[in-house]
Protein backbone atom coordinates (compact mmCIF):
# COMPACT_ATOMS: atom_id res chain seq x y z
CA UNK A 1 0.00 0.00 0.00
CA UNK A 2 2.82 2.45 0.76
CA UNK A 3 3.84 2.91 -2.88
CA UNK A 4 0.30 3.95 -3.86
CA UNK A 5 0.11 6.36 -0.97
CA UNK A 6 1.57 9.43 -2.66
CA UNK A 7 0.19 12.81 -3.60
CA UNK A 8 0.76 13.99 -7.14
CA UNK A 9 1.71 17.52 -6.17
CA UNK A 10 4.29 19.14 -3.91
CA UNK A 11 4.70 22.59 -2.35
CA UNK A 12 7.86 24.21 -3.74
CA UNK A 13 10.14 26.45 -1.72
CA UNK A 14 8.72 29.98 -1.44
CA UNK A 15 10.95 32.77 -0.30
CA UNK A 16 13.04 31.99 2.75
CA UNK A 17 10.40 31.78 5.45
CA UNK A 18 7.02 31.06 3.86
CA UNK A 19 7.61 27.29 3.66
CA UNK A 20 10.22 27.05 6.42
CA UNK A 21 7.83 25.17 8.72
CA UNK A 22 5.47 23.80 6.06
CA UNK A 23 6.56 20.19 6.75
CA UNK A 24 5.20 20.52 10.30
CA UNK A 25 1.88 21.60 8.80
CA UNK A 26 1.43 19.23 5.84
CA UNK A 27 3.87 16.28 5.98
CA UNK A 28 1.48 14.39 8.30
CA UNK A 29 -0.96 14.25 5.37
CA UNK A 30 1.67 12.73 3.05
CA UNK A 31 2.33 16.05 1.32
CA UNK A 32 5.93 16.92 0.43
CA UNK A 33 7.21 20.48 0.75
CA UNK A 34 10.53 22.27 0.34
CA UNK A 35 12.37 24.19 3.07
CA UNK A 36 14.87 26.94 2.24
CA UNK A 37 18.30 26.54 3.85
CA UNK A 38 19.18 30.15 3.06
CA UNK A 39 19.01 31.67 6.56
CA UNK A 40 20.45 29.82 9.54
CA UNK A 41 19.60 32.74 11.88
CA UNK A 42 15.92 32.48 10.98
CA UNK A 43 16.01 28.71 11.40
CA UNK A 44 17.52 29.10 14.85
CA UNK A 45 14.76 31.52 15.88
CA UNK A 46 12.12 29.15 14.56
CA UNK A 47 13.72 26.18 16.34
CA UNK A 48 13.61 28.07 19.64
CA UNK A 49 9.97 28.97 19.01
CA UNK A 50 8.92 25.38 18.29
CA UNK A 51 10.91 23.92 21.17
CA UNK A 52 9.06 26.26 23.52
CA UNK A 53 5.71 25.61 21.83
CA UNK A 54 6.16 21.84 21.94
CA UNK A 55 7.69 21.80 25.42
CA UNK A 56 11.03 20.46 24.21
CA UNK A 57 14.58 21.13 25.37
CA UNK A 58 16.41 23.92 23.56
CA UNK A 59 20.06 24.91 23.60
CA UNK A 60 21.10 28.03 21.70
CA UNK A 61 23.66 27.54 18.92
CA UNK A 62 25.74 30.70 19.09
CA UNK A 63 27.46 32.44 16.14
CA UNK A 64 30.61 31.99 18.21
CA UNK A 65 30.31 28.20 18.01
CA UNK A 66 32.48 26.31 15.54
CA UNK A 67 30.57 25.59 12.31
CA UNK A 68 27.42 27.18 13.76
CA UNK A 69 25.67 27.60 10.38
CA UNK A 70 25.70 23.89 9.59
CA UNK A 71 24.87 22.95 13.20
CA UNK A 72 21.82 25.24 13.19
CA UNK A 73 20.55 23.69 9.96
CA UNK A 74 21.05 20.16 11.28
CA UNK A 75 19.29 20.99 14.54
CA UNK A 76 16.31 22.57 12.78
CA UNK A 77 15.88 19.70 10.31
CA UNK A 78 16.17 17.19 13.15
CA UNK A 79 13.42 19.06 15.00
CA UNK A 80 11.18 18.78 11.92
CA UNK A 81 12.02 15.10 11.50
CA UNK A 82 11.40 14.09 15.11
CA UNK A 83 8.14 15.99 15.49
CA UNK A 84 6.75 14.79 12.17
CA UNK A 85 7.51 11.21 13.17
CA UNK A 86 5.61 11.86 16.41
CA UNK A 87 2.70 13.25 14.37
CA UNK A 88 2.63 10.12 12.19
CA UNK A 89 2.63 7.80 15.20
CA UNK A 90 -0.14 9.85 16.77
CA UNK A 91 -2.22 9.69 13.58
CA UNK A 92 -1.80 5.92 13.39
CA UNK A 93 -3.33 5.58 16.84
CA UNK A 94 -6.51 7.45 15.92
CA UNK A 95 -9.86 5.84 15.10
CA UNK A 96 -11.30 6.38 11.64
CA UNK A 97 -13.60 9.31 12.47
CA UNK A 98 -14.52 11.92 9.88
CA UNK A 99 -12.69 15.19 10.52
CA UNK A 100 -9.68 13.85 12.42
CA UNK A 101 -6.16 13.71 10.93
CA UNK A 102 -6.27 9.98 10.15
CA UNK A 103 -9.46 10.37 8.17
CA UNK A 104 -8.11 13.51 6.44
CA UNK A 105 -4.91 11.70 5.49
CA UNK A 106 -6.82 9.30 3.24
CA UNK A 107 -9.62 11.67 2.29
CA UNK A 108 -7.07 14.14 0.87
CA UNK A 109 -5.55 11.53 -1.46
CA UNK A 110 -6.67 11.50 -5.10
CA UNK A 111 -9.45 9.07 -5.93
CA UNK A 112 -7.26 7.28 -8.49
CA UNK A 113 -4.77 6.23 -5.79
CA UNK A 114 -5.30 2.50 -5.01
CA UNK A 115 -4.99 3.15 -1.28
CA UNK A 116 -7.80 5.68 -1.52
CA UNK A 117 -10.00 3.01 -3.04
CA UNK A 118 -9.14 0.69 -0.15
CA UNK A 119 -10.04 3.49 2.28
CA UNK A 120 -13.42 3.98 0.61
CA UNK A 121 -14.02 0.22 0.64
CA UNK A 122 -13.21 0.10 4.36
CA UNK A 123 -15.76 2.84 5.06
CA UNK A 124 -18.45 0.86 3.26
CA UNK A 125 -17.90 -2.29 5.35
CA UNK A 126 -19.80 -3.21 8.47
CA UNK A 127 -17.82 -3.92 11.62
CA UNK A 128 -16.06 -7.24 11.50
CA UNK A 129 -12.77 -9.03 10.87
CA UNK A 130 -12.39 -7.80 7.28
CA UNK A 131 -12.92 -4.18 8.26
CA UNK A 132 -10.53 -4.44 11.22
CA UNK A 133 -7.85 -5.99 9.00
CA UNK A 134 -8.27 -3.27 6.40
CA UNK A 135 -8.13 -0.54 9.04
CA UNK A 136 -4.87 -2.00 10.34
CA UNK A 137 -3.38 -2.17 6.85
CA UNK A 138 -4.39 1.43 6.16
CA UNK A 139 -2.83 2.67 9.39
CA UNK A 140 0.41 0.87 8.57
CA UNK A 141 0.46 2.55 5.16
CA UNK A 142 0.53 6.08 6.63
CA UNK A 143 3.82 7.77 5.73
CA UNK A 144 4.95 11.36 6.02
CA UNK A 145 5.49 13.70 3.11
CA UNK A 146 9.11 14.46 2.35
CA UNK A 147 11.04 17.24 4.15
CA UNK A 148 12.93 18.41 1.06
CA UNK A 149 15.40 21.30 1.21
CA UNK A 150 16.47 23.96 -1.28
CA UNK A 151 19.92 25.44 -1.90
CA UNK A 152 20.52 28.18 -4.46
CA UNK A 153 23.88 27.24 -5.93
CA UNK A 154 24.91 30.86 -6.53
CA UNK A 155 24.39 31.83 -2.88
CA UNK A 156 27.71 30.44 -1.78
CA UNK A 157 29.45 33.59 -0.65
CA UNK A 158 32.60 33.53 1.45
CA UNK A 159 32.21 33.98 5.21
CA UNK A 160 34.71 35.68 7.46
CA UNK A 161 36.07 34.90 10.89
CA UNK A 162 37.70 37.19 13.49
CA UNK A 163 39.80 39.93 11.95
CA UNK A 164 37.81 39.65 8.71
CA UNK A 165 39.88 36.63 7.71
CA UNK A 166 38.17 34.64 4.94
CA UNK A 167 37.14 31.19 6.13
CA UNK A 168 37.87 28.04 4.05
CA UNK A 169 35.43 27.24 1.23
CA UNK A 170 33.58 24.57 3.25
CA UNK A 171 32.29 27.39 5.48
CA UNK A 172 30.71 29.21 2.54
CA UNK A 173 26.93 29.53 2.88
CA UNK A 174 25.82 26.85 0.40
CA UNK A 175 28.61 24.48 1.50
CA UNK A 176 27.48 24.84 5.12
CA UNK A 177 23.88 24.18 4.04
CA UNK A 178 24.88 20.91 2.38
CA UNK A 179 26.82 19.85 5.46
CA UNK A 180 23.92 20.71 7.75
CA UNK A 181 21.52 18.70 5.61
CA UNK A 182 23.94 15.77 5.21
CA UNK A 183 24.34 15.42 8.99
CA UNK A 184 20.61 15.63 9.73
CA UNK A 185 18.25 12.72 10.39
CA UNK A 186 15.97 13.42 7.44
CA UNK A 187 15.85 11.03 4.49
CA UNK A 188 14.73 13.32 1.70
CA UNK A 189 15.95 15.32 -1.28
CA UNK A 190 18.22 18.31 -1.75
CA UNK A 191 16.87 20.62 -4.46
CA UNK A 192 19.57 22.55 -6.28
CA UNK A 193 18.46 25.68 -8.12
CA UNK A 194 20.16 28.48 -10.11
CA UNK A 195 22.57 26.38 -12.19
CA UNK A 196 25.83 24.45 -12.07
CA UNK A 197 28.34 25.17 -9.31
CA UNK A 198 31.21 22.68 -9.84
CA UNK A 199 32.91 23.29 -6.48
CA UNK A 200 29.62 22.93 -4.59
CA UNK A 201 28.54 19.82 -6.49
CA UNK A 202 31.94 18.21 -5.88
CA UNK A 203 31.51 18.85 -2.16
CA UNK A 204 28.63 16.33 -2.08
CA UNK A 205 31.19 13.53 -2.38
CA UNK A 206 32.41 14.28 1.15
CA UNK A 207 29.26 12.71 2.62
CA UNK A 208 28.29 9.04 2.46
CA UNK A 209 24.59 9.89 2.71
CA UNK A 210 24.55 11.01 -0.96
CA UNK A 211 25.82 7.57 -2.05
CA UNK A 212 24.01 4.21 -1.93
CA UNK A 213 24.35 2.28 1.33
CA UNK A 214 24.97 -1.47 1.55
CA UNK A 215 21.33 -2.06 0.58
CA UNK A 216 21.59 0.27 -2.41
CA UNK A 217 19.47 2.98 -0.77
CA UNK A 218 20.43 6.66 -1.01
CA UNK A 219 19.40 8.53 2.15
CA UNK A 220 19.85 12.02 0.66
CA UNK A 221 18.72 12.30 -2.95
CA UNK A 222 19.36 15.10 -5.43
CA UNK A 223 16.74 17.07 -7.36
CA UNK A 224 17.81 19.59 -9.98
CA UNK A 225 15.48 22.52 -10.61
CA UNK A 226 16.08 23.57 -14.21
CA UNK A 227 14.44 25.54 -17.02
CA UNK A 228 15.83 23.70 -20.05
CA UNK A 229 16.97 20.23 -21.10
CA UNK A 230 20.53 21.14 -22.05
CA UNK A 231 21.34 22.57 -18.63
CA UNK A 232 19.79 19.53 -16.96
CA UNK A 233 21.84 17.11 -19.05
CA UNK A 234 25.11 18.97 -18.43
CA UNK A 235 24.53 19.09 -14.68
CA UNK A 236 23.35 15.49 -14.56
CA UNK A 237 26.49 14.29 -16.36
CA UNK A 238 28.75 16.31 -14.07
CA UNK A 239 27.17 14.79 -10.96
CA UNK A 240 27.04 11.25 -12.37
CA UNK A 241 30.78 11.42 -12.99
CA UNK A 242 31.17 12.14 -9.26
CA UNK A 243 29.04 9.12 -8.32
CA UNK A 244 26.00 11.30 -7.51
CA UNK A 245 22.66 10.40 -9.11
CA UNK A 246 20.02 13.01 -9.92
CA UNK A 247 16.78 11.26 -9.01
CA UNK A 248 14.48 14.00 -10.25
CA UNK A 249 14.61 16.86 -12.74
CA UNK A 250 12.19 19.54 -11.61
CA UNK A 251 11.29 21.63 -14.65
CA UNK A 252 10.22 25.18 -13.84
CA UNK A 253 8.86 27.79 -16.21
CA UNK A 254 11.50 30.41 -16.86
CA UNK A 255 9.12 33.34 -16.32
CA UNK A 256 5.71 32.05 -15.19
CA UNK A 257 6.91 31.22 -11.69
CA UNK A 258 7.44 32.81 -8.29
CA UNK A 259 10.71 34.18 -6.93
CA UNK A 260 13.67 34.72 -9.22
CA UNK A 261 12.90 34.34 -12.92
CA UNK A 262 15.59 32.81 -15.10
CA UNK A 263 14.38 33.47 -18.63
CA UNK A 264 15.30 30.81 -21.16
CA UNK A 265 16.19 31.74 -24.73
CA UNK A 266 12.53 31.66 -25.71
CA UNK A 267 12.15 28.01 -24.75
CA UNK A 268 8.60 27.36 -23.57
CA UNK A 269 7.54 24.90 -20.88
CA UNK A 270 5.59 22.53 -23.13
CA UNK A 271 8.40 21.95 -25.66
CA UNK A 272 10.92 21.59 -22.81
CA UNK A 273 8.79 18.91 -21.14
CA UNK A 274 8.37 17.16 -24.50
CA UNK A 275 12.16 17.16 -24.97
CA UNK A 276 12.62 15.59 -21.54
CA UNK A 277 10.03 12.92 -22.27
CA UNK A 278 11.58 12.12 -25.66
CA UNK A 279 15.15 11.92 -24.34
CA UNK A 280 14.62 10.54 -20.85
CA UNK A 281 15.37 6.90 -21.67
CA UNK A 282 18.56 7.77 -23.57
CA UNK A 283 19.71 10.16 -20.85
CA UNK A 284 18.95 7.58 -18.19
CA UNK A 285 21.03 4.98 -20.02
CA UNK A 286 23.97 7.32 -20.60
CA UNK A 287 24.03 8.66 -17.05
CA UNK A 288 23.61 5.19 -15.51
CA UNK A 289 26.78 3.95 -17.16
CA UNK A 290 28.74 7.01 -16.04
CA UNK A 291 27.28 6.80 -12.55
CA UNK A 292 27.98 3.09 -12.00
CA UNK A 293 31.53 3.45 -13.32
CA UNK A 294 32.12 6.34 -10.93
CA UNK A 295 30.79 4.35 -7.96
CA UNK A 296 33.06 1.43 -8.82
CA UNK A 297 36.12 3.64 -9.17
CA UNK A 298 35.35 5.27 -5.81
CA UNK A 299 34.81 1.92 -4.12
CA UNK A 300 31.22 2.80 -3.27
CA UNK A 301 28.18 0.51 -3.12
CA UNK A 302 26.20 0.22 -6.32
CA UNK A 303 22.38 0.34 -6.23
CA UNK A 304 20.64 -3.00 -6.35
CA UNK A 305 18.30 -1.86 -9.12
CA UNK A 306 19.26 0.30 -12.09
CA UNK A 307 18.73 3.97 -11.17
CA UNK A 308 15.85 5.80 -12.82
CA UNK A 309 15.14 9.41 -13.67
CA UNK A 310 11.86 11.07 -12.73
CA UNK A 311 10.53 14.41 -13.94
CA UNK A 312 8.25 16.96 -12.30
CA UNK A 313 7.07 20.40 -13.39
CA UNK A 314 6.02 23.66 -11.80
CA UNK A 315 5.23 27.23 -12.70
CA UNK A 316 1.78 28.67 -13.35
CA UNK A 317 -0.37 25.55 -12.90
CA UNK A 318 -3.82 26.62 -11.79
CA UNK A 319 -6.52 24.09 -12.66
CA UNK A 320 -7.15 20.38 -12.27
CA UNK A 321 -7.32 20.09 -16.07
CA UNK A 322 -3.80 21.52 -16.40
CA UNK A 323 -2.59 19.26 -13.58
CA UNK A 324 -4.03 16.13 -15.16
CA UNK A 325 -2.84 16.99 -18.67
CA UNK A 326 0.74 17.63 -17.52
CA UNK A 327 0.86 14.41 -15.52
CA UNK A 328 -0.46 12.27 -18.38
CA UNK A 329 1.14 13.92 -21.39
CA UNK A 330 4.65 14.22 -19.95
CA UNK A 331 4.79 11.23 -17.56
CA UNK A 332 5.46 13.42 -14.54
CA UNK A 333 5.94 12.13 -11.01
CA UNK A 334 4.53 15.33 -9.49
CA UNK A 335 3.60 18.94 -10.12
CA UNK A 336 4.56 21.94 -8.03
CA UNK A 337 1.82 24.29 -6.80
CA UNK A 338 3.57 27.30 -5.30
CA UNK A 339 1.87 30.70 -5.38
CA UNK A 340 -1.70 29.43 -4.76
CA UNK A 341 -0.50 27.96 -1.45
CA UNK A 342 0.47 31.46 -0.28
CA UNK A 343 -3.27 31.83 0.27
CA UNK A 344 -3.43 28.67 2.45
CA UNK A 345 -2.35 29.63 6.00
CA UNK A 346 -2.69 25.98 7.04
CA UNK A 347 0.24 25.16 4.75
CA UNK A 348 2.59 28.16 4.95
CA UNK A 349 3.67 30.89 7.37
CA UNK A 350 2.17 34.13 6.10
CA UNK A 351 1.21 37.21 8.10
CA UNK A 352 -2.27 38.72 7.82
CA UNK A 353 -1.21 41.93 6.06
CA UNK A 354 0.60 40.01 3.32
CA UNK A 355 -2.22 37.47 3.10
CA UNK A 356 -4.77 40.25 2.52
CA UNK A 357 -2.48 41.91 -0.03
CA UNK A 358 -2.12 38.70 -2.05
CA UNK A 359 -5.81 37.80 -1.85
CA UNK A 360 -6.67 41.15 -3.41
CA UNK A 361 -3.86 41.23 -5.97
CA UNK A 362 -4.85 41.56 -9.64
CA UNK A 363 -2.83 40.93 -12.79
CA UNK A 364 -1.55 44.51 -12.84
CA UNK A 365 -0.32 44.23 -9.25
CA UNK A 366 1.96 41.27 -9.92
CA UNK A 367 5.08 42.19 -11.82
CA UNK A 368 8.63 41.18 -12.70
CA UNK A 369 10.82 43.57 -10.72
CA UNK A 370 14.47 44.55 -10.44
CA UNK A 371 14.52 44.50 -6.64
CA UNK A 372 16.83 41.50 -6.23
CA UNK A 373 20.46 42.29 -5.36
CA UNK A 374 21.41 39.28 -7.49
CA UNK A 375 20.60 41.30 -10.61
CA UNK A 376 18.09 38.65 -11.71
CA UNK A 377 14.44 39.56 -12.48
CA UNK A 378 12.32 38.89 -9.41
CA UNK A 379 8.57 38.37 -9.17
CA UNK A 380 6.91 40.70 -6.70
CA UNK A 381 3.61 42.36 -5.79
CA UNK A 382 2.91 46.06 -5.47
CA UNK A 383 2.29 47.33 -1.96
CA UNK A 384 4.29 44.79 0.03
CA UNK A 385 5.43 46.19 3.37
CA UNK A 386 9.14 45.83 2.60
CA UNK A 387 8.79 48.04 -0.47
CA UNK A 388 6.76 50.55 1.53
CA UNK A 389 9.57 50.76 4.09
CA UNK A 390 12.11 51.05 1.29
CA UNK A 391 10.22 54.01 -0.23
CA UNK A 392 9.94 55.74 3.14
CA UNK A 393 13.72 55.49 3.55
CA UNK A 394 14.24 56.96 0.06
CA UNK A 395 11.94 59.89 0.82
CA UNK A 396 13.91 60.57 4.01
CA UNK A 397 17.10 60.74 1.96
CA UNK A 398 18.43 57.49 3.44
CA UNK A 399 18.05 54.87 0.69
CA UNK A 400 19.27 51.35 1.24
CA UNK A 401 18.88 48.93 4.13
CA UNK A 402 21.09 47.88 7.02
CA UNK A 403 22.80 44.63 6.01
CA UNK A 404 21.63 42.28 8.76
CA UNK A 405 21.87 38.77 7.28
CA UNK A 406 24.79 39.41 4.87
CA UNK A 407 23.60 36.69 2.48
CA UNK A 408 23.76 38.59 -0.82
CA UNK A 409 27.12 40.35 -0.53
CA UNK A 410 28.69 40.01 -3.98
CA UNK A 411 29.60 43.56 -5.07
CA UNK A 412 33.19 44.88 -4.84
CA UNK A 413 32.90 48.17 -6.77
CA UNK A 414 33.76 50.26 -3.73
CA UNK A 415 35.07 47.81 -1.16
CA UNK A 416 37.62 45.03 -0.95
CA UNK A 417 35.20 42.83 0.98
CA UNK A 418 31.94 42.18 -0.95
CA UNK A 419 28.83 44.12 0.06
CA UNK A 420 25.17 43.95 -0.99
CA UNK A 421 23.72 46.31 -3.60
CA UNK A 422 20.59 46.71 -1.43
CA UNK A 423 22.66 47.94 1.51
CA UNK A 424 22.79 51.55 2.62
CA UNK A 425 26.57 51.38 2.44
CA UNK A 426 26.52 50.50 -1.27
CA UNK A 427 23.70 52.80 -2.34
CA UNK A 428 25.24 55.85 -0.67
CA UNK A 429 28.50 55.24 -2.53
CA UNK A 430 26.77 54.51 -5.83
CA UNK A 431 24.59 57.62 -5.63
CA UNK A 432 27.64 59.75 -4.76
CA UNK A 433 29.35 58.37 -7.87
CA UNK A 434 26.26 59.08 -9.96
CA UNK A 435 26.24 62.71 -8.87
CA UNK A 436 29.71 63.25 -10.35
CA UNK A 437 28.59 62.24 -13.85
CA UNK A 438 26.69 65.45 -14.70
CA UNK A 439 23.84 63.60 -16.39
CA UNK A 440 20.72 65.25 -17.74
CA UNK A 441 17.83 65.10 -15.21
CA UNK A 442 15.84 62.30 -16.85
CA UNK A 443 18.87 60.04 -17.27
CA UNK A 444 20.00 60.79 -13.71
CA UNK A 445 16.56 59.90 -12.38
CA UNK A 446 16.50 56.64 -14.35
CA UNK A 447 19.90 55.55 -13.05
CA UNK A 448 19.06 56.69 -9.52
CA UNK A 449 15.87 54.63 -9.51
CA UNK A 450 17.79 51.54 -10.64
CA UNK A 451 20.11 51.95 -7.65
CA UNK A 452 17.46 52.45 -4.98
CA UNK A 453 15.11 49.82 -6.43
CA UNK A 454 17.14 47.03 -4.81
CA UNK A 455 15.51 45.66 -1.65
CA UNK A 456 16.79 43.59 1.27
CA UNK A 457 15.01 40.40 0.25
CA UNK A 458 17.25 38.08 2.28
CA UNK A 459 15.54 39.58 5.35
CA UNK A 460 12.18 40.45 3.81
CA UNK A 461 11.50 36.95 2.48
CA UNK A 462 11.84 35.47 5.95
CA UNK A 463 10.10 38.02 8.16
CA UNK A 464 6.58 36.68 7.60
CA UNK A 465 7.45 33.44 9.43
CA UNK A 466 8.49 35.50 12.46
CA UNK A 467 5.38 37.68 12.45
CA UNK A 468 2.89 34.84 12.10
CA UNK A 469 4.56 32.93 14.96
CA UNK A 470 4.70 36.01 17.21
CA UNK A 471 8.51 36.03 17.22
CA UNK A 472 10.12 39.44 17.69
CA UNK A 473 10.97 40.77 14.22
CA UNK A 474 12.02 44.28 15.29
CA UNK A 475 15.64 43.60 14.32
CA UNK A 476 14.43 42.69 10.83
CA UNK A 477 12.28 45.83 10.64
CA UNK A 478 8.96 43.90 10.33
CA UNK A 479 8.79 44.52 6.56
CA UNK A 480 7.79 41.55 4.39
CA UNK A 481 8.95 40.87 0.85
CA UNK A 482 6.85 38.35 -1.04
CA UNK A 483 7.50 36.66 -4.37
CA UNK A 484 4.30 35.27 -5.96
CA UNK A 485 4.11 34.25 -9.57
CA UNK A 486 1.60 35.82 -11.99
CA UNK A 487 -0.75 32.85 -11.50
CA UNK A 488 -1.75 34.20 -8.07
CA UNK A 489 -3.90 36.89 -9.73
CA UNK A 490 -6.63 34.33 -10.41
CA UNK A 491 -6.92 33.14 -6.79
CA UNK A 492 -8.84 35.75 -4.86
CA UNK A 493 -9.30 34.73 -1.23
CA UNK A 494 -7.95 32.65 1.63
CA UNK A 495 -8.41 28.89 1.20
CA UNK A 496 -8.34 25.92 3.53
CA UNK A 497 -5.88 23.11 2.88
CA UNK A 498 -8.79 20.82 2.04
CA UNK A 499 -10.17 23.28 -0.52
CA UNK A 500 -6.81 23.63 -2.30
CA UNK A 501 -6.24 19.88 -2.42
CA UNK A 502 -9.73 19.24 -3.79
CA UNK A 503 -9.15 21.97 -6.39
CA UNK A 504 -5.88 20.36 -7.51
CA UNK A 505 -7.57 16.96 -7.94
CA UNK A 506 -10.68 18.33 -9.65
CA UNK A 507 -13.19 17.73 -6.86
CA UNK A 508 -13.77 21.46 -6.29
CA UNK A 509 -13.34 24.53 -8.49
CA UNK A 510 -12.17 27.42 -6.31
CA UNK A 511 -11.63 29.73 -9.31
CA UNK A 512 -15.28 29.88 -10.29
CA UNK A 513 -15.96 31.95 -13.40
CA UNK A 514 -12.68 33.87 -13.34
CA UNK A 515 -11.25 34.55 -16.80
CA UNK A 516 -7.84 32.93 -16.80
CA UNK A 517 -5.55 32.09 -19.73
CA UNK A 518 -4.20 28.57 -20.05
CA UNK A 519 -0.82 28.27 -18.30
CA UNK A 520 0.94 27.70 -21.64
CA UNK A 521 -0.64 30.83 -23.13
CA UNK A 522 0.18 32.91 -20.05
CA UNK A 523 3.83 31.90 -20.24
CA UNK A 524 3.96 32.57 -23.98
CA UNK A 525 2.60 36.08 -23.44
CA UNK A 526 5.23 36.76 -20.80
CA UNK A 527 7.98 35.63 -23.16
CA UNK A 528 6.68 37.86 -25.94
CA UNK A 529 6.70 40.82 -23.54
CA UNK A 530 10.24 39.89 -22.50
CA UNK A 531 11.27 39.73 -26.16
CA UNK A 532 9.91 43.24 -26.72
CA UNK A 533 12.07 44.54 -23.88
CA UNK A 534 15.15 42.83 -25.32
CA UNK A 535 14.54 44.39 -28.74
CA UNK A 536 13.88 47.81 -27.20
CA UNK A 537 17.29 47.79 -25.50
CA UNK A 538 19.09 45.99 -28.33
CA UNK A 539 22.44 47.31 -29.53
CA UNK A 540 22.48 46.20 -33.17
CA UNK A 541 26.26 46.52 -33.27
CA UNK A 542 26.44 43.77 -30.68
CA UNK A 543 26.29 40.71 -32.93
CA UNK A 544 26.04 38.27 -30.01
CA UNK A 545 22.96 40.02 -28.61
CA UNK A 546 21.36 40.24 -32.07
CA UNK A 547 21.93 36.51 -32.52
CA UNK A 548 20.41 35.90 -29.08
CA UNK A 549 17.25 37.83 -30.01
CA UNK A 550 16.94 36.03 -33.35
CA UNK A 551 17.24 32.65 -31.64
CA UNK A 552 14.69 33.79 -29.06
CA UNK A 553 12.23 34.65 -31.82
CA UNK A 554 12.87 31.33 -33.57
CA UNK A 555 12.34 29.29 -30.40
CA UNK A 556 9.06 31.08 -29.67
CA UNK A 557 7.81 30.39 -33.20
CA UNK A 558 8.74 26.72 -32.90
CA UNK A 559 7.02 26.59 -29.52
CA UNK A 560 3.81 27.98 -30.98
CA UNK A 561 3.83 25.33 -33.71
CA UNK A 562 4.36 22.66 -31.07
CA UNK A 563 1.30 23.88 -29.16
CA UNK A 564 -0.79 23.88 -32.34
CA UNK A 565 0.14 20.25 -32.92
CA UNK A 566 -0.54 19.49 -29.25
CA UNK A 567 -4.08 20.90 -29.27
CA UNK A 568 -5.44 17.73 -30.83
CA UNK A 569 -4.17 15.76 -27.81
CA UNK A 570 -5.81 17.91 -25.18
CA UNK A 571 -8.55 15.51 -24.15
CA UNK A 572 -11.33 16.97 -22.04
CA UNK A 573 -10.54 20.42 -23.40
CA UNK A 574 -13.85 22.07 -24.34
CA UNK A 575 -14.19 23.14 -27.96
CA UNK A 576 -14.64 26.82 -27.12
CA UNK A 577 -11.47 26.73 -25.00
CA UNK A 578 -9.56 25.06 -27.83
CA UNK A 579 -10.70 27.78 -30.18
CA UNK A 580 -9.60 30.46 -27.72
CA UNK A 581 -6.25 28.70 -27.25
CA UNK A 582 -5.69 28.56 -31.02
CA UNK A 583 -6.74 32.17 -31.55
CA UNK A 584 -4.32 33.32 -28.85
CA UNK A 585 -1.52 31.28 -30.43
CA UNK A 586 -2.22 32.87 -33.81
CA UNK A 587 -2.24 36.35 -32.30
CA UNK A 588 1.13 35.83 -30.61
CA UNK A 589 2.53 34.23 -33.76
CA UNK A 590 1.59 37.32 -35.74
CA UNK A 591 3.09 39.59 -33.08
CA UNK A 592 6.38 37.68 -33.10
CA UNK A 593 6.50 37.82 -36.89
CA UNK A 594 6.03 41.58 -36.76
CA UNK A 595 8.79 41.92 -34.17
CA UNK A 596 11.12 39.82 -36.33
CA UNK A 597 10.42 42.00 -39.39
CA UNK A 598 11.03 45.14 -37.34
CA UNK A 599 14.35 43.74 -36.14
CA UNK A 600 15.46 42.93 -39.70
CA UNK A 601 14.49 46.40 -40.95
CA UNK A 602 16.49 48.15 -38.23
CA UNK A 603 19.50 45.96 -39.04
């Protein structure tokens, strides 16, 4: 029964704090979620809070302790693990009564799951030996959702000890996160996002838990979050050569997602998923050979069964029809539902002000911003409290934020030691430099706004978890940054966990009559808008950029043709919706053709 006891969706990492304690909320129902390992200070505060709340012993891990970052991460993950195991044991001891957690566990599962059918059969039986046996089997099948963790590969900045002496590489942020996870009790997956980091990936080999044990079981698995097949294959080959298997490739829309947006070169989600499906068997075969050879050369245990690759997808999914189509068409193991869960307080940590803001957000309120100090487009919502605080500081003539967490310090324009572009220290220096350039007013204003637009997201993305748990956030300033994807615009109120799950599986429609484009069309429109911006800023003397734009246009056109061919396969798609889908494809195709002609004429 255990193998049939899985949900077909997961809750991706959101910000730093929004899903930090989601496993404690949803894992008992068999739902997997992803915890950010980006802020050990926040994790330590949350561990203290939960130890007090659950009447458990707590010992502070001080910044003065050796390897405190990794130790804090291990301690927090162990707290999640131990308490979720207690929750599971408690659930198993419950009677089957409608409304309690044991009943919910099975009721929440999709009807097509075999174990759900056994649950329904048990409910139909009269008391007796058969029913008692089935109840016992069902209880034994209860397993927790996975406590997965996320590490952004680029956030691996150097840390400094006394006297501002740079610490060895293993004390870098992402390295410490891996070590903290590797030493924890949890058996789950590490999700890598933001691309290949050779030094970081090689560091995995220092820990036995990423290799098969004597029974061929890998305690800590690897998931790669990627936006295109080529990147996935390159990273998968690099890791396989180190004896590390990528168990899952998590495909995310380049633009139609929450958080940082890593735009592909016009590659759309549907064609990317099709490429994965078409090449999965060949990639699996190639990587298996490399992987097994690497294990043998390292003297490691080989898995008993040949390793397999699984694929999941996320970014903009909003209806049960989209969920079902993706699962069936592309042979997915799961789909990620992120932004909609920001409106489910039972699943995430979100303060009331931010919850109200998101519930009322419309399409025009959700936008791709330049607020991230990483210099990568970042999805945001107008009116968030962190941006309000940022604007107040600008109006007082004190732009920039105090650098509390020091997680995004990468700039060395003015200092020998890296600093953050959202910090007051950097913005004061950058504005002073700007004033010496004698620019015309409009150009000065444009450049000034680019400087002060940066926000302290490494604090803002975690503050909500403090506020909702009544933890003092005065040091953080109480301002909340939030990073929903565009899909949130179509969800307009707070939802219960049960409502969202039923919506995902098609048993309830929480969107009602809202006019919402298909997720593929929404993403296509975002890419066309992105293309327009690239053309607007295009230097036609820069041959590399011109070639990039031309390839972007070509990929979009090929993607549109793919969707036209795919329409015939969209079973259960109403005829009027198919007609709308096709009309929207034709409109975007015409717009891209016009943009391509305009580009050629300018050249």
